[in-house]
Amino acid sequence: MSRGMTLMTKYADIIDSATELADQLLAQHLAAHRARVANCSPVSLAVCIDCGEPIPEARRLAAVGCERCIECQELADKVARR
């Protein structure tokens, strides 16, 4: 086997290992996310608890259990990070 082929085989092994690790981490994060979602309130509120404005249906479906509109949630997240 030539030196070039040996290096390609080594790089392929490294890439395969990295891909396998990425798949494992993704599976772990998805499992953790599913567990969090299972513990969330199954019903989203129709009105934001902070500003009282209606929460768009698309947000309620995308963020099941949400209590705030996207603007108020972003503000709450900024405050929480301080």
N, C-alpha and C. Protein backbone atom coordinates (compact mmCIF):
# COMPACT_ATOMS: atom_id res chain seq x y z
N MET A 1 0.86 -1.18 0.00
CA MET A 1 0.00 0.00 0.00
C MET A 1 0.90 1.24 0.00
N SER A 2 0.55 2.22 -0.78
CA SER A 2 1.38 3.42 -0.87
C SER A 2 1.16 4.31 0.35
N ARG A 3 2.11 5.20 0.55
CA ARG A 3 2.04 6.14 1.69
C ARG A 3 0.78 7.00 1.61
N GLY A 4 0.42 7.41 0.40
CA GLY A 4 -0.78 8.23 0.21
C GLY A 4 -2.04 7.48 0.61
N MET A 5 -2.11 6.22 0.24
CA MET A 5 -3.28 5.41 0.59
C MET A 5 -3.34 5.17 2.10
N THR A 6 -2.17 4.99 2.73
CA THR A 6 -2.13 4.79 4.18
C THR A 6 -2.67 6.02 4.90
N LEU A 7 -2.25 7.21 4.47
CA LEU A 7 -2.74 8.45 5.08
C LEU A 7 -4.24 8.61 4.86
N MET A 8 -4.70 8.29 3.65
CA MET A 8 -6.14 8.40 3.38
C MET A 8 -6.92 7.45 4.29
N THR A 9 -6.40 6.26 4.51
CA THR A 9 -7.08 5.29 5.38
C THR A 9 -7.12 5.81 6.81
N LYS A 10 -6.01 6.39 7.28
CA LYS A 10 -5.98 6.95 8.64
C LYS A 10 -6.98 8.09 8.78
N TYR A 11 -7.02 8.99 7.77
CA TYR A 11 -7.96 10.11 7.83
C TYR A 11 -9.41 9.61 7.78
N ALA A 12 -9.64 8.60 6.98
CA ALA A 12 -10.99 8.03 6.92
C ALA A 12 -11.39 7.44 8.26
N ASP A 13 -10.47 6.78 8.94
CA ASP A 13 -10.75 6.23 10.27
C ASP A 13 -11.05 7.34 11.27
N ILE A 14 -10.29 8.42 11.21
CA ILE A 14 -10.52 9.56 12.11
C ILE A 14 -11.88 10.17 11.85
N ILE A 15 -12.21 10.34 10.58
CA ILE A 15 -13.52 10.91 10.22
C ILE A 15 -14.65 9.99 10.65
N ASP A 16 -14.48 8.69 10.46
CA ASP A 16 -15.49 7.73 10.90
C ASP A 16 -15.69 7.80 12.41
N SER A 17 -14.60 7.91 13.16
CA SER A 17 -14.70 8.01 14.63
C SER A 17 -15.40 9.30 15.03
N ALA A 18 -15.07 10.40 14.37
CA ALA A 18 -15.71 11.68 14.68
C ALA A 18 -17.20 11.64 14.37
N THR A 19 -17.55 11.02 13.26
CA THR A 19 -18.96 10.90 12.88
C THR A 19 -19.71 10.05 13.89
N GLU A 20 -19.10 8.97 14.33
CA GLU A 20 -19.73 8.10 15.32
C GLU A 20 -19.95 8.84 16.63
N LEU A 21 -18.96 9.61 17.06
CA LEU A 21 -19.09 10.40 18.29
C LEU A 21 -20.19 11.45 18.14
N ALA A 22 -20.23 12.12 16.99
CA ALA A 22 -21.27 13.13 16.75
C ALA A 22 -22.65 12.49 16.79
N ASP A 23 -22.80 11.31 16.22
CA ASP A 23 -24.08 10.61 16.26
C ASP A 23 -24.49 10.27 17.69
N GLN A 24 -23.53 9.83 18.50
CA GLN A 24 -23.81 9.49 19.90
C GLN A 24 -24.23 10.73 20.68
N LEU A 25 -23.51 11.84 20.48
CA LEU A 25 -23.85 13.08 21.18
C LEU A 25 -25.23 13.59 20.76
N LEU A 26 -25.52 13.51 19.48
CA LEU A 26 -26.83 13.94 19.00
C LEU A 26 -27.93 13.09 19.63
N ALA A 27 -27.72 11.80 19.70
CA ALA A 27 -28.72 10.91 20.31
C ALA A 27 -28.92 11.26 21.78
N GLN A 28 -27.84 11.56 22.49
CA GLN A 28 -27.95 11.94 23.91
C GLN A 28 -28.72 13.24 24.07
N HIS A 29 -28.41 14.23 23.23
CA HIS A 29 -29.10 15.52 23.32
C HIS A 29 -30.57 15.40 22.95
N LEU A 30 -30.86 14.60 21.94
CA LEU A 30 -32.27 14.39 21.57
C LEU A 30 -33.04 13.70 22.70
N ALA A 31 -32.42 12.72 23.33
CA ALA A 31 -33.07 12.03 24.45
C ALA A 31 -33.32 13.00 25.60
N ALA A 32 -32.34 13.85 25.90
CA ALA A 32 -32.51 14.84 26.97
C ALA A 32 -33.61 15.83 26.62
N HIS A 33 -33.65 16.26 25.36
CA HIS A 33 -34.69 17.20 24.93
C HIS A 33 -36.07 16.56 25.03
N ARG A 34 -36.18 15.34 24.59
CA ARG A 34 -37.48 14.64 24.67
C ARG A 34 -37.93 14.50 26.12
N ALA A 35 -36.99 14.24 27.02
CA ALA A 35 -37.34 14.13 28.44
C ALA A 35 -37.83 15.47 28.98
N ARG A 36 -37.16 16.56 28.57
CA ARG A 36 -37.60 17.89 29.03
C ARG A 36 -38.98 18.20 28.49
N VAL A 37 -39.22 17.90 27.22
CA VAL A 37 -40.52 18.17 26.60
C VAL A 37 -41.60 17.35 27.29
N ALA A 38 -41.29 16.13 27.66
CA ALA A 38 -42.27 15.27 28.32
C ALA A 38 -42.68 15.85 29.67
N ASN A 39 -41.78 16.60 30.31
CA ASN A 39 -42.06 17.18 31.62
C ASN A 39 -42.67 18.57 31.53
N CYS A 40 -42.77 19.10 30.31
CA CYS A 40 -43.32 20.45 30.12
C CYS A 40 -44.84 20.41 30.14
N SER A 41 -45.38 21.57 30.37
CA SER A 41 -46.82 21.72 30.26
C SER A 41 -47.22 21.38 28.83
N PRO A 42 -48.17 20.49 28.64
CA PRO A 42 -48.51 20.08 27.28
C PRO A 42 -49.32 21.12 26.50
N VAL A 43 -49.78 22.14 27.16
CA VAL A 43 -50.62 23.12 26.49
C VAL A 43 -49.94 24.49 26.54
N SER A 44 -49.80 25.11 25.40
CA SER A 44 -49.26 26.46 25.32
C SER A 44 -50.37 27.45 25.64
N LEU A 45 -49.98 28.56 26.24
CA LEU A 45 -50.95 29.60 26.52
C LEU A 45 -51.28 30.36 25.24
N ALA A 46 -52.47 30.89 25.15
CA ALA A 46 -52.87 31.66 23.97
C ALA A 46 -52.46 33.11 24.10
N VAL A 47 -52.22 33.56 25.36
CA VAL A 47 -51.89 34.95 25.62
C VAL A 47 -50.60 35.00 26.45
N CYS A 48 -49.70 35.89 26.10
CA CYS A 48 -48.42 36.04 26.78
C CYS A 48 -48.63 36.47 28.23
N ILE A 49 -47.92 35.81 29.15
CA ILE A 49 -48.07 36.13 30.58
C ILE A 49 -47.44 37.47 30.93
N ASP A 50 -46.56 38.00 30.07
CA ASP A 50 -45.89 39.27 30.38
C ASP A 50 -46.59 40.47 29.76
N CYS A 51 -46.89 40.40 28.45
CA CYS A 51 -47.45 41.58 27.78
C CYS A 51 -48.94 41.47 27.51
N GLY A 52 -49.51 40.28 27.62
CA GLY A 52 -50.94 40.10 27.39
C GLY A 52 -51.34 40.00 25.94
N GLU A 53 -50.36 40.05 25.03
CA GLU A 53 -50.66 39.94 23.60
C GLU A 53 -50.86 38.46 23.23
N PRO A 54 -51.65 38.20 22.18
CA PRO A 54 -51.83 36.82 21.72
C PRO A 54 -50.51 36.20 21.27
N ILE A 55 -50.31 34.93 21.59
CA ILE A 55 -49.14 34.19 21.12
C ILE A 55 -49.53 33.54 19.80
N PRO A 56 -48.78 33.82 18.73
CA PRO A 56 -49.13 33.24 17.42
C PRO A 56 -49.16 31.70 17.47
N GLU A 57 -50.08 31.15 16.72
CA GLU A 57 -50.26 29.70 16.70
C GLU A 57 -48.97 28.98 16.32
N ALA A 58 -48.23 29.54 15.36
CA ALA A 58 -46.98 28.89 14.93
C ALA A 58 -46.02 28.75 16.10
N ARG A 59 -45.95 29.76 16.97
CA ARG A 59 -45.07 29.68 18.15
C ARG A 59 -45.60 28.65 19.14
N ARG A 60 -46.89 28.64 19.35
CA ARG A 60 -47.48 27.68 20.29
C ARG A 60 -47.22 26.25 19.85
N LEU A 61 -47.23 26.01 18.54
CA LEU A 61 -46.97 24.67 18.03
C LEU A 61 -45.48 24.33 18.06
N ALA A 62 -44.63 25.33 17.79
CA ALA A 62 -43.19 25.09 17.74
C ALA A 62 -42.59 24.97 19.13
N ALA A 63 -43.14 25.70 20.10
CA ALA A 63 -42.61 25.70 21.47
C ALA A 63 -43.74 25.27 22.41
N VAL A 64 -44.05 23.99 22.36
CA VAL A 64 -45.16 23.46 23.16
C VAL A 64 -44.94 23.79 24.63
N GLY A 65 -45.97 24.35 25.24
CA GLY A 65 -45.89 24.72 26.65
C GLY A 65 -45.43 26.16 26.86
N CYS A 66 -45.24 26.92 25.78
CA CYS A 66 -44.76 28.29 25.94
C CYS A 66 -45.79 29.14 26.68
N GLU A 67 -45.25 30.11 27.39
CA GLU A 67 -46.10 31.03 28.17
C GLU A 67 -45.93 32.47 27.73
N ARG A 68 -44.92 32.72 26.88
CA ARG A 68 -44.61 34.08 26.45
C ARG A 68 -44.55 34.15 24.93
N CYS A 69 -44.83 35.35 24.39
CA CYS A 69 -44.59 35.60 22.97
C CYS A 69 -43.07 35.60 22.76
N ILE A 70 -42.64 35.54 21.53
CA ILE A 70 -41.20 35.43 21.24
C ILE A 70 -40.44 36.65 21.76
N GLU A 71 -41.01 37.83 21.62
CA GLU A 71 -40.33 39.04 22.08
C GLU A 71 -40.12 39.01 23.60
N CYS A 72 -41.16 38.67 24.34
CA CYS A 72 -41.04 38.62 25.80
C CYS A 72 -40.14 37.47 26.24
N GLN A 73 -40.16 36.36 25.51
CA GLN A 73 -39.28 35.24 25.86
C GLN A 73 -37.82 35.62 25.66
N GLU A 74 -37.52 36.32 24.55
CA GLU A 74 -36.15 36.76 24.31
C GLU A 74 -35.69 37.70 25.41
N LEU A 75 -36.56 38.61 25.84
CA LEU A 75 -36.23 39.52 26.93
C LEU A 75 -36.00 38.75 28.23
N ALA A 76 -36.87 37.79 28.53
CA ALA A 76 -36.73 36.98 29.74
C ALA A 76 -35.43 36.19 29.71
N ASP A 77 -35.04 35.67 28.54
CA ASP A 77 -33.79 34.92 28.40
C ASP A 77 -32.59 35.84 28.65
N LYS A 78 -32.64 37.06 28.13
CA LYS A 78 -31.55 38.01 28.36
C LYS A 78 -31.40 38.33 29.84
N VAL A 79 -32.51 38.56 30.51
CA VAL A 79 -32.48 38.87 31.94
C VAL A 79 -31.94 37.67 32.74
N ALA A 80 -32.33 36.48 32.34
CA ALA A 80 -31.89 35.27 33.05
C ALA A 80 -30.39 35.05 32.90
N ARG A 81 -29.80 35.49 31.79
CA ARG A 81 -28.37 35.29 31.55
C ARG A 81 -27.51 36.23 32.37
N ARG A 82 -28.08 37.29 32.91
CA ARG A 82 -27.29 38.28 33.67
C ARG A 82 -26.89 37.76 35.00
